[in-house]
Amino acid sequence: IAGLPMQLMLKHVSTFKGLPHRCEYVGACAGIAFYNDSKGTNVGAAVAALQGLQPENGKVVLIAGGEGKGADFAPLADAVRAHARAVVLIGRDSAVIADAISGAVDVVFAVSMASAVDAALELAETGDVVLLSPACASFDMFRDFEDRGEQFTRLVSALEGFTNA
């Protein structure tokens, strides 16, 4: 982009929506914003997403879990305590994550992405963000991170009152 006029660069940067499954805005329902960060397959990525998507007048309901790959989930506890209202856990290592964040916020277990979205919607309040940022690999429940993110997006898009404006 070196040498391109600044106005031309700004025009194109302002319309760039980002890459799918990377802190991707899905839409809103009942005053709650939904973000798909299914590519957030490690603890550091989930912590960064929690910190970066903190709503001005609300909290984050985090959907996390999957194959933990032996990760240390302790760093997630401080980020959850600071930014989250609740955590909905899915997948094989959900109990490991629950132990690591014990006492930080309320934790709910879900057996599918559909039940995770339903639980997150129940836990969230107007002004909150529901964030799928698993901190784990997807292979215990999904084909890959894209499948996980697409299921999340499809389920959220089907919610009554959903808008992606």
N, C-alpha and C. Protein backbone atom coordinates (compact mmCIF):
# COMPACT_ATOMS: atom_id res chain seq x y z
N ILE A 1 0.81 -1.20 0.00
CA ILE A 1 0.00 0.00 0.00
C ILE A 1 0.85 1.27 0.00
N ALA A 2 2.14 1.08 0.07
CA ALA A 2 3.02 2.25 0.04
C ALA A 2 2.81 3.00 -1.27
N GLY A 3 2.67 4.29 -1.16
CA GLY A 3 2.52 5.13 -2.34
C GLY A 3 1.08 5.39 -2.76
N LEU A 4 0.12 4.69 -2.17
CA LEU A 4 -1.28 4.94 -2.51
C LEU A 4 -1.76 6.20 -1.80
N PRO A 5 -2.67 6.93 -2.42
CA PRO A 5 -3.22 8.13 -1.77
C PRO A 5 -3.95 7.76 -0.48
N MET A 6 -3.78 8.58 0.55
CA MET A 6 -4.37 8.33 1.85
C MET A 6 -5.90 8.20 1.76
N GLN A 7 -6.56 9.05 1.00
CA GLN A 7 -8.02 9.00 0.88
C GLN A 7 -8.48 7.65 0.32
N LEU A 8 -7.76 7.13 -0.65
CA LEU A 8 -8.10 5.84 -1.24
C LEU A 8 -7.94 4.72 -0.21
N MET A 9 -6.86 4.77 0.55
CA MET A 9 -6.65 3.75 1.58
C MET A 9 -7.74 3.82 2.65
N LEU A 10 -8.06 5.03 3.11
CA LEU A 10 -9.09 5.20 4.14
C LEU A 10 -10.45 4.71 3.66
N LYS A 11 -10.75 4.96 2.40
CA LYS A 11 -12.02 4.51 1.83
C LYS A 11 -12.14 2.99 1.93
N HIS A 12 -11.10 2.29 1.56
CA HIS A 12 -11.16 0.83 1.56
C HIS A 12 -11.02 0.24 2.97
N VAL A 13 -10.23 0.85 3.81
CA VAL A 13 -10.09 0.36 5.18
C VAL A 13 -11.41 0.51 5.92
N SER A 14 -12.12 1.60 5.68
CA SER A 14 -13.38 1.84 6.40
C SER A 14 -14.47 0.84 6.02
N THR A 15 -14.35 0.19 4.88
CA THR A 15 -15.37 -0.79 4.48
C THR A 15 -14.92 -2.23 4.73
N PHE A 16 -13.70 -2.42 5.20
CA PHE A 16 -13.20 -3.77 5.47
C PHE A 16 -13.88 -4.34 6.70
N LYS A 17 -14.52 -5.47 6.57
CA LYS A 17 -15.28 -6.07 7.67
C LYS A 17 -14.47 -7.06 8.50
N GLY A 18 -13.24 -7.30 8.14
CA GLY A 18 -12.43 -8.26 8.87
C GLY A 18 -12.63 -9.65 8.33
N LEU A 19 -11.95 -10.59 8.93
CA LEU A 19 -12.01 -11.98 8.50
C LEU A 19 -13.05 -12.75 9.32
N PRO A 20 -13.70 -13.72 8.70
CA PRO A 20 -14.69 -14.51 9.44
C PRO A 20 -14.07 -15.22 10.65
N HIS A 21 -14.86 -15.34 11.70
CA HIS A 21 -14.50 -16.10 12.91
C HIS A 21 -13.40 -15.43 13.73
N ARG A 22 -13.16 -14.16 13.50
CA ARG A 22 -12.12 -13.42 14.24
C ARG A 22 -12.75 -12.15 14.80
N CYS A 23 -13.32 -12.26 15.99
CA CYS A 23 -14.06 -11.15 16.62
C CYS A 23 -15.04 -10.52 15.63
N GLU A 24 -15.74 -11.37 14.92
CA GLU A 24 -16.67 -10.97 13.86
C GLU A 24 -18.03 -10.63 14.47
N TYR A 25 -18.50 -9.41 14.20
CA TYR A 25 -19.83 -9.02 14.66
C TYR A 25 -20.87 -9.81 13.88
N VAL A 26 -21.74 -10.51 14.59
CA VAL A 26 -22.78 -11.31 13.95
C VAL A 26 -24.07 -10.52 13.86
N GLY A 27 -24.43 -9.82 14.93
CA GLY A 27 -25.66 -9.05 14.97
C GLY A 27 -26.10 -8.84 16.40
N ALA A 28 -27.36 -8.44 16.56
CA ALA A 28 -27.88 -8.14 17.89
C ALA A 28 -29.29 -8.67 18.03
N CYS A 29 -29.66 -8.90 19.27
CA CYS A 29 -31.00 -9.36 19.61
C CYS A 29 -31.28 -8.88 21.03
N ALA A 30 -32.41 -8.21 21.23
CA ALA A 30 -32.82 -7.75 22.56
C ALA A 30 -31.76 -6.87 23.21
N GLY A 31 -31.08 -6.06 22.41
CA GLY A 31 -30.07 -5.16 22.95
C GLY A 31 -28.77 -5.83 23.33
N ILE A 32 -28.58 -7.06 22.88
CA ILE A 32 -27.37 -7.84 23.18
C ILE A 32 -26.63 -8.07 21.87
N ALA A 33 -25.34 -7.73 21.83
CA ALA A 33 -24.52 -7.92 20.63
C ALA A 33 -23.86 -9.30 20.68
N PHE A 34 -23.74 -9.93 19.51
CA PHE A 34 -23.15 -11.26 19.41
C PHE A 34 -21.91 -11.21 18.52
N TYR A 35 -20.81 -11.79 19.01
CA TYR A 35 -19.54 -11.83 18.27
C TYR A 35 -19.04 -13.26 18.16
N ASN A 36 -18.56 -13.59 16.97
CA ASN A 36 -18.01 -14.91 16.66
C ASN A 36 -16.48 -14.80 16.58
N ASP A 37 -15.81 -15.34 17.58
CA ASP A 37 -14.35 -15.40 17.59
C ASP A 37 -13.92 -16.86 17.67
N SER A 38 -14.55 -17.69 16.83
CA SER A 38 -14.28 -19.13 16.87
C SER A 38 -12.81 -19.45 16.59
N LYS A 39 -12.11 -18.57 15.93
CA LYS A 39 -10.69 -18.76 15.66
C LYS A 39 -9.85 -18.55 16.92
N GLY A 40 -10.45 -18.04 17.98
CA GLY A 40 -9.75 -17.84 19.25
C GLY A 40 -9.53 -19.17 19.95
N THR A 41 -8.58 -19.95 19.44
CA THR A 41 -8.40 -21.34 19.89
C THR A 41 -7.36 -21.51 20.99
N ASN A 42 -6.92 -20.41 21.59
CA ASN A 42 -5.98 -20.51 22.71
C ASN A 42 -6.36 -19.49 23.77
N VAL A 43 -5.82 -19.66 24.95
CA VAL A 43 -6.18 -18.81 26.09
C VAL A 43 -5.86 -17.35 25.82
N GLY A 44 -4.70 -17.07 25.25
CA GLY A 44 -4.32 -15.69 24.97
C GLY A 44 -5.30 -14.99 24.04
N ALA A 45 -5.77 -15.71 23.03
CA ALA A 45 -6.74 -15.13 22.09
C ALA A 45 -8.06 -14.84 22.79
N ALA A 46 -8.50 -15.73 23.64
CA ALA A 46 -9.76 -15.51 24.36
C ALA A 46 -9.64 -14.34 25.33
N VAL A 47 -8.52 -14.23 26.01
CA VAL A 47 -8.28 -13.10 26.92
C VAL A 47 -8.30 -11.79 26.13
N ALA A 48 -7.62 -11.75 25.00
CA ALA A 48 -7.58 -10.54 24.17
C ALA A 48 -8.98 -10.17 23.68
N ALA A 49 -9.77 -11.15 23.28
CA ALA A 49 -11.13 -10.88 22.82
C ALA A 49 -11.99 -10.34 23.96
N LEU A 50 -11.87 -10.92 25.14
CA LEU A 50 -12.62 -10.42 26.30
C LEU A 50 -12.26 -8.97 26.61
N GLN A 51 -10.99 -8.66 26.57
CA GLN A 51 -10.54 -7.30 26.85
C GLN A 51 -10.97 -6.33 25.76
N GLY A 52 -10.91 -6.77 24.52
CA GLY A 52 -11.18 -5.89 23.40
C GLY A 52 -12.64 -5.66 23.10
N LEU A 53 -13.51 -6.56 23.53
CA LEU A 53 -14.93 -6.43 23.23
C LEU A 53 -15.76 -6.04 24.44
N GLN A 54 -15.14 -5.43 25.41
CA GLN A 54 -15.85 -4.99 26.61
C GLN A 54 -16.85 -3.91 26.24
N PRO A 55 -18.16 -4.15 26.43
CA PRO A 55 -19.15 -3.12 26.10
C PRO A 55 -19.08 -1.96 27.08
N GLU A 56 -19.48 -0.79 26.60
CA GLU A 56 -19.40 0.42 27.43
C GLU A 56 -20.30 0.33 28.66
N ASN A 57 -21.50 -0.21 28.49
CA ASN A 57 -22.46 -0.25 29.59
C ASN A 57 -22.93 -1.67 29.89
N GLY A 58 -22.05 -2.62 29.80
CA GLY A 58 -22.45 -3.99 30.06
C GLY A 58 -21.25 -4.87 30.34
N LYS A 59 -21.50 -6.14 30.25
CA LYS A 59 -20.47 -7.16 30.47
C LYS A 59 -20.48 -8.14 29.31
N VAL A 60 -19.60 -9.11 29.36
CA VAL A 60 -19.51 -10.14 28.34
C VAL A 60 -20.02 -11.46 28.92
N VAL A 61 -20.83 -12.16 28.14
CA VAL A 61 -21.14 -13.55 28.44
C VAL A 61 -20.30 -14.36 27.46
N LEU A 62 -19.34 -15.09 27.99
CA LEU A 62 -18.38 -15.82 27.18
C LEU A 62 -18.84 -17.26 26.96
N ILE A 63 -18.79 -17.70 25.71
CA ILE A 63 -18.98 -19.12 25.38
C ILE A 63 -17.59 -19.66 25.05
N ALA A 64 -17.14 -20.64 25.83
CA ALA A 64 -15.79 -21.18 25.66
C ALA A 64 -15.81 -22.69 25.83
N GLY A 65 -14.70 -23.32 25.47
CA GLY A 65 -14.53 -24.74 25.70
C GLY A 65 -14.25 -25.51 24.43
N GLY A 66 -13.90 -26.77 24.62
CA GLY A 66 -13.53 -27.65 23.53
C GLY A 66 -12.37 -28.52 23.97
N GLU A 67 -11.45 -28.77 23.05
CA GLU A 67 -10.22 -29.51 23.36
C GLU A 67 -9.16 -28.53 23.82
N GLY A 68 -8.80 -28.60 25.09
CA GLY A 68 -7.89 -27.63 25.67
C GLY A 68 -6.43 -27.77 25.31
N LYS A 69 -6.05 -28.86 24.70
CA LYS A 69 -4.66 -29.08 24.25
C LYS A 69 -3.66 -28.93 25.39
N GLY A 70 -4.08 -29.24 26.61
CA GLY A 70 -3.18 -29.16 27.76
C GLY A 70 -2.88 -27.75 28.23
N ALA A 71 -3.66 -26.79 27.79
CA ALA A 71 -3.41 -25.38 28.12
C ALA A 71 -3.63 -25.09 29.60
N ASP A 72 -2.96 -24.06 30.07
CA ASP A 72 -3.17 -23.52 31.41
C ASP A 72 -4.25 -22.44 31.28
N PHE A 73 -5.41 -22.67 31.86
CA PHE A 73 -6.52 -21.73 31.74
C PHE A 73 -6.54 -20.69 32.86
N ALA A 74 -5.56 -20.73 33.77
CA ALA A 74 -5.52 -19.78 34.88
C ALA A 74 -5.56 -18.32 34.41
N PRO A 75 -4.84 -17.93 33.34
CA PRO A 75 -4.89 -16.53 32.92
C PRO A 75 -6.29 -16.07 32.49
N LEU A 76 -7.14 -17.01 32.15
CA LEU A 76 -8.50 -16.67 31.75
C LEU A 76 -9.31 -16.15 32.94
N ALA A 77 -8.99 -16.62 34.14
CA ALA A 77 -9.76 -16.25 35.34
C ALA A 77 -9.77 -14.75 35.58
N ASP A 78 -8.62 -14.09 35.49
CA ASP A 78 -8.57 -12.65 35.74
C ASP A 78 -9.37 -11.88 34.69
N ALA A 79 -9.25 -12.28 33.43
CA ALA A 79 -10.00 -11.60 32.36
C ALA A 79 -11.50 -11.81 32.53
N VAL A 80 -11.89 -13.01 32.90
CA VAL A 80 -13.30 -13.30 33.14
C VAL A 80 -13.82 -12.47 34.31
N ARG A 81 -13.06 -12.44 35.38
CA ARG A 81 -13.46 -11.67 36.56
C ARG A 81 -13.64 -10.19 36.22
N ALA A 82 -12.76 -9.66 35.39
CA ALA A 82 -12.79 -8.23 35.05
C ALA A 82 -13.85 -7.87 34.01
N HIS A 83 -14.16 -8.78 33.10
CA HIS A 83 -14.97 -8.40 31.94
C HIS A 83 -16.25 -9.19 31.74
N ALA A 84 -16.40 -10.32 32.40
CA ALA A 84 -17.53 -11.20 32.08
C ALA A 84 -18.62 -11.15 33.14
N ARG A 85 -19.83 -11.37 32.69
CA ARG A 85 -20.98 -11.55 33.58
C ARG A 85 -21.11 -13.03 33.94
N ALA A 86 -20.85 -13.89 32.95
CA ALA A 86 -20.97 -15.34 33.13
C ALA A 86 -20.20 -16.03 32.01
N VAL A 87 -19.97 -17.33 32.19
CA VAL A 87 -19.31 -18.14 31.18
C VAL A 87 -20.16 -19.38 30.93
N VAL A 88 -20.38 -19.66 29.65
CA VAL A 88 -21.06 -20.88 29.23
C VAL A 88 -19.99 -21.79 28.63
N LEU A 89 -19.85 -22.99 29.19
CA LEU A 89 -18.79 -23.91 28.76
C LEU A 89 -19.35 -25.09 27.99
N ILE A 90 -18.65 -25.42 26.90
CA ILE A 90 -18.98 -26.57 26.07
C ILE A 90 -17.73 -27.44 25.92
N GLY A 91 -17.94 -28.67 25.50
CA GLY A 91 -16.81 -29.48 25.08
C GLY A 91 -16.11 -30.28 26.15
N ARG A 92 -15.16 -31.05 25.67
CA ARG A 92 -14.45 -32.04 26.48
C ARG A 92 -13.77 -31.46 27.71
N ASP A 93 -13.11 -30.35 27.58
CA ASP A 93 -12.35 -29.80 28.71
C ASP A 93 -13.08 -28.70 29.47
N SER A 94 -14.41 -28.70 29.39
CA SER A 94 -15.18 -27.67 30.08
C SER A 94 -14.96 -27.72 31.60
N ALA A 95 -14.83 -28.90 32.17
CA ALA A 95 -14.60 -29.01 33.62
C ALA A 95 -13.23 -28.46 34.01
N VAL A 96 -12.24 -28.64 33.15
CA VAL A 96 -10.90 -28.11 33.41
C VAL A 96 -10.95 -26.58 33.43
N ILE A 97 -11.66 -26.00 32.48
CA ILE A 97 -11.79 -24.54 32.43
C ILE A 97 -12.58 -24.06 33.65
N ALA A 98 -13.65 -24.75 33.98
CA ALA A 98 -14.46 -24.37 35.15
C ALA A 98 -13.61 -24.35 36.41
N ASP A 99 -12.75 -25.33 36.58
CA ASP A 99 -11.86 -25.35 37.75
C ASP A 99 -10.93 -24.14 37.75
N ALA A 100 -10.41 -23.79 36.59
CA ALA A 100 -9.45 -22.69 36.50
C ALA A 100 -10.09 -21.34 36.78
N ILE A 101 -11.37 -21.18 36.44
CA ILE A 101 -12.03 -19.88 36.62
C ILE A 101 -12.99 -19.90 37.81
N SER A 102 -12.92 -20.95 38.60
CA SER A 102 -13.82 -21.12 39.74
C SER A 102 -13.86 -19.87 40.61
N GLY A 103 -15.07 -19.42 40.91
CA GLY A 103 -15.24 -18.26 41.77
C GLY A 103 -15.19 -16.93 41.07
N ALA A 104 -14.80 -16.90 39.80
CA ALA A 104 -14.70 -15.63 39.08
C ALA A 104 -16.09 -15.10 38.72
N VAL A 105 -16.92 -15.93 38.12
CA VAL A 105 -18.30 -15.59 37.74
C VAL A 105 -19.12 -16.88 37.71
N ASP A 106 -20.40 -16.74 37.46
CA ASP A 106 -21.24 -17.93 37.30
C ASP A 106 -20.83 -18.70 36.05
N VAL A 107 -20.85 -20.02 36.16
CA VAL A 107 -20.50 -20.90 35.04
C VAL A 107 -21.68 -21.83 34.78
N VAL A 108 -22.02 -21.96 33.50
CA VAL A 108 -23.09 -22.85 33.06
C VAL A 108 -22.49 -23.81 32.04
N PHE A 109 -22.88 -25.07 32.10
CA PHE A 109 -22.40 -26.07 31.14
C PHE A 109 -23.48 -26.31 30.09
N ALA A 110 -23.06 -26.45 28.84
CA ALA A 110 -23.98 -26.72 27.74
C ALA A 110 -23.46 -27.92 26.95
N VAL A 111 -24.38 -28.69 26.38
CA VAL A 111 -23.99 -29.91 25.66
C VAL A 111 -23.90 -29.71 24.16
N SER A 112 -24.33 -28.56 23.67
CA SER A 112 -24.31 -28.28 22.23
C SER A 112 -24.18 -26.78 22.03
N MET A 113 -23.88 -26.38 20.80
CA MET A 113 -23.83 -24.95 20.52
C MET A 113 -25.22 -24.34 20.68
N ALA A 114 -26.26 -25.07 20.30
CA ALA A 114 -27.62 -24.54 20.44
C ALA A 114 -27.94 -24.26 21.91
N SER A 115 -27.62 -25.19 22.79
CA SER A 115 -27.90 -24.95 24.20
C SER A 115 -26.98 -23.88 24.79
N ALA A 116 -25.78 -23.73 24.25
CA ALA A 116 -24.87 -22.67 24.70
C ALA A 116 -25.42 -21.30 24.32
N VAL A 117 -25.91 -21.15 23.10
CA VAL A 117 -26.48 -19.87 22.67
C VAL A 117 -27.72 -19.55 23.51
N ASP A 118 -28.58 -20.54 23.73
CA ASP A 118 -29.77 -20.32 24.56
C ASP A 118 -29.38 -19.88 25.97
N ALA A 119 -28.40 -20.56 26.57
CA ALA A 119 -27.97 -20.21 27.92
C ALA A 119 -27.37 -18.82 27.96
N ALA A 120 -26.54 -18.48 26.98
CA ALA A 120 -25.92 -17.16 26.94
C ALA A 120 -26.97 -16.06 26.82
N LEU A 121 -27.98 -16.29 26.00
CA LEU A 121 -29.04 -15.30 25.84
C LEU A 121 -29.80 -15.11 27.15
N GLU A 122 -30.03 -16.17 27.88
CA GLU A 122 -30.70 -16.07 29.18
C GLU A 122 -29.86 -15.32 30.21
N LEU A 123 -28.55 -15.51 30.17
CA LEU A 123 -27.66 -14.89 31.14
C LEU A 123 -27.36 -13.43 30.84
N ALA A 124 -27.39 -13.06 29.57
CA ALA A 124 -27.01 -11.71 29.15
C ALA A 124 -28.12 -10.71 29.48
N GLU A 125 -27.70 -9.47 29.65
CA GLU A 125 -28.62 -8.36 29.89
C GLU A 125 -28.45 -7.34 28.78
N THR A 126 -29.44 -6.48 28.64
CA THR A 126 -29.36 -5.42 27.63
C THR A 126 -28.05 -4.66 27.80
N GLY A 127 -27.35 -4.45 26.69
CA GLY A 127 -26.06 -3.77 26.71
C GLY A 127 -24.87 -4.71 26.78
N ASP A 128 -25.13 -5.99 26.99
CA ASP A 128 -24.06 -6.98 27.08
C ASP A 128 -23.62 -7.46 25.70
N VAL A 129 -22.51 -8.17 25.69
CA VAL A 129 -21.99 -8.85 24.51
C VAL A 129 -21.96 -10.35 24.81
N VAL A 130 -22.45 -11.15 23.87
CA VAL A 130 -22.23 -12.60 23.93
C VAL A 130 -21.09 -12.90 22.97
N LEU A 131 -20.04 -13.48 23.49
CA LEU A 131 -18.81 -13.71 22.75
C LEU A 131 -18.47 -15.19 22.70
N LEU A 132 -18.43 -15.74 21.50
CA LEU A 132 -17.87 -17.08 21.31
C LEU A 132 -16.37 -16.91 21.09
N SER A 133 -15.58 -17.25 22.10
CA SER A 133 -14.13 -17.23 22.00
C SER A 133 -13.62 -18.41 22.82
N PRO A 134 -13.53 -19.58 22.19
CA PRO A 134 -13.44 -20.85 22.91
C PRO A 134 -12.19 -21.12 23.73
N ALA A 135 -11.06 -20.51 23.38
CA ALA A 135 -9.79 -20.79 24.06
C ALA A 135 -9.37 -22.24 23.87
N CYS A 136 -9.99 -22.93 22.94
CA CYS A 136 -9.77 -24.37 22.73
C CYS A 136 -9.93 -24.73 21.26
N ALA A 137 -9.40 -25.88 20.92
CA ALA A 137 -9.66 -26.46 19.59
C ALA A 137 -11.10 -26.96 19.55
N SER A 138 -11.57 -27.20 18.34
CA SER A 138 -12.98 -27.52 18.12
C SER A 138 -13.27 -28.99 17.88
N PHE A 139 -12.26 -29.81 17.72
CA PHE A 139 -12.43 -31.14 17.14
C PHE A 139 -13.22 -32.13 17.98
N ASP A 140 -13.49 -31.82 19.24
CA ASP A 140 -14.28 -32.74 20.05
C ASP A 140 -15.77 -32.68 19.71
N MET A 141 -16.23 -31.55 19.15
CA MET A 141 -17.66 -31.39 18.85
C MET A 141 -17.94 -30.94 17.42
N PHE A 142 -16.93 -30.40 16.74
CA PHE A 142 -17.15 -29.78 15.44
C PHE A 142 -16.10 -30.26 14.44
N ARG A 143 -16.38 -30.04 13.17
CA ARG A 143 -15.42 -30.43 12.12
C ARG A 143 -14.14 -29.61 12.25
N ASP A 144 -14.30 -28.30 12.52
CA ASP A 144 -13.17 -27.38 12.66
C ASP A 144 -13.69 -26.07 13.24
N PHE A 145 -12.82 -25.08 13.41
CA PHE A 145 -13.24 -23.81 14.00
C PHE A 145 -14.27 -23.11 13.13
N GLU A 146 -14.19 -23.32 11.82
CA GLU A 146 -15.15 -22.69 10.92
C GLU A 146 -16.55 -23.27 11.12
N ASP A 147 -16.64 -24.59 11.25
CA ASP A 147 -17.92 -25.24 11.51
C ASP A 147 -18.51 -24.73 12.82
N ARG A 148 -17.67 -24.64 13.86
CA ARG A 148 -18.14 -24.14 15.15
C ARG A 148 -18.68 -22.72 15.01
N GLY A 149 -17.92 -21.85 14.35
CA GLY A 149 -18.35 -20.47 14.17
C GLY A 149 -19.59 -20.34 13.31
N GLU A 150 -19.69 -21.16 12.27
CA GLU A 150 -20.87 -21.12 11.40
C GLU A 150 -22.12 -21.60 12.14
N GLN A 151 -21.97 -22.61 12.99
CA GLN A 151 -23.12 -23.04 13.80
C GLN A 151 -23.56 -21.92 14.73
N PHE A 152 -22.61 -21.27 15.38
CA PHE A 152 -22.93 -20.15 16.27
C PHE A 152 -23.66 -19.06 15.49
N THR A 153 -23.11 -18.66 14.36
CA THR A 153 -23.70 -17.59 13.56
C THR A 153 -25.10 -17.96 13.09
N ARG A 154 -25.28 -19.18 12.63
CA ARG A 154 -26.60 -19.63 12.16
C ARG A 154 -27.62 -19.60 13.30
N LEU A 155 -27.24 -20.08 14.47
CA LEU A 155 -28.16 -20.11 15.61
C LEU A 155 -28.51 -18.70 16.08
N VAL A 156 -27.53 -17.82 16.15
CA VAL A 156 -27.78 -16.44 16.56
C VAL A 156 -28.68 -15.74 15.54
N SER A 157 -28.40 -15.95 14.27
CA SER A 157 -29.19 -15.31 13.21
C SER A 157 -30.65 -15.75 13.22
N ALA A 158 -30.92 -16.91 13.78
CA ALA A 158 -32.29 -17.44 13.84
C ALA A 158 -33.06 -16.96 15.08
N LEU A 159 -32.42 -16.22 15.97
CA LEU A 159 -33.10 -15.74 17.17
C LEU A 159 -34.20 -14.75 16.80
N GLU A 160 -35.31 -14.83 17.51
CA GLU A 160 -36.42 -13.90 17.27
C GLU A 160 -35.96 -12.48 17.61
N GLY A 161 -36.17 -11.57 16.69
CA GLY A 161 -35.77 -10.18 16.89
C GLY A 161 -34.35 -9.89 16.46
N PHE A 162 -33.67 -10.86 15.85
CA PHE A 162 -32.28 -10.67 15.41
C PHE A 162 -32.20 -9.62 14.31
N THR A 163 -31.15 -8.81 14.39
CA THR A 163 -30.82 -7.87 13.32
C THR A 163 -29.31 -7.84 13.17
N ASN A 164 -28.83 -7.70 11.94
CA ASN A 164 -27.37 -7.61 11.75
C ASN A 164 -26.97 -6.22 11.29
N ALA A 165 -27.81 -5.26 11.56
CA ALA A 165 -27.51 -3.87 11.18
C ALA A 165 -26.47 -3.27 12.11
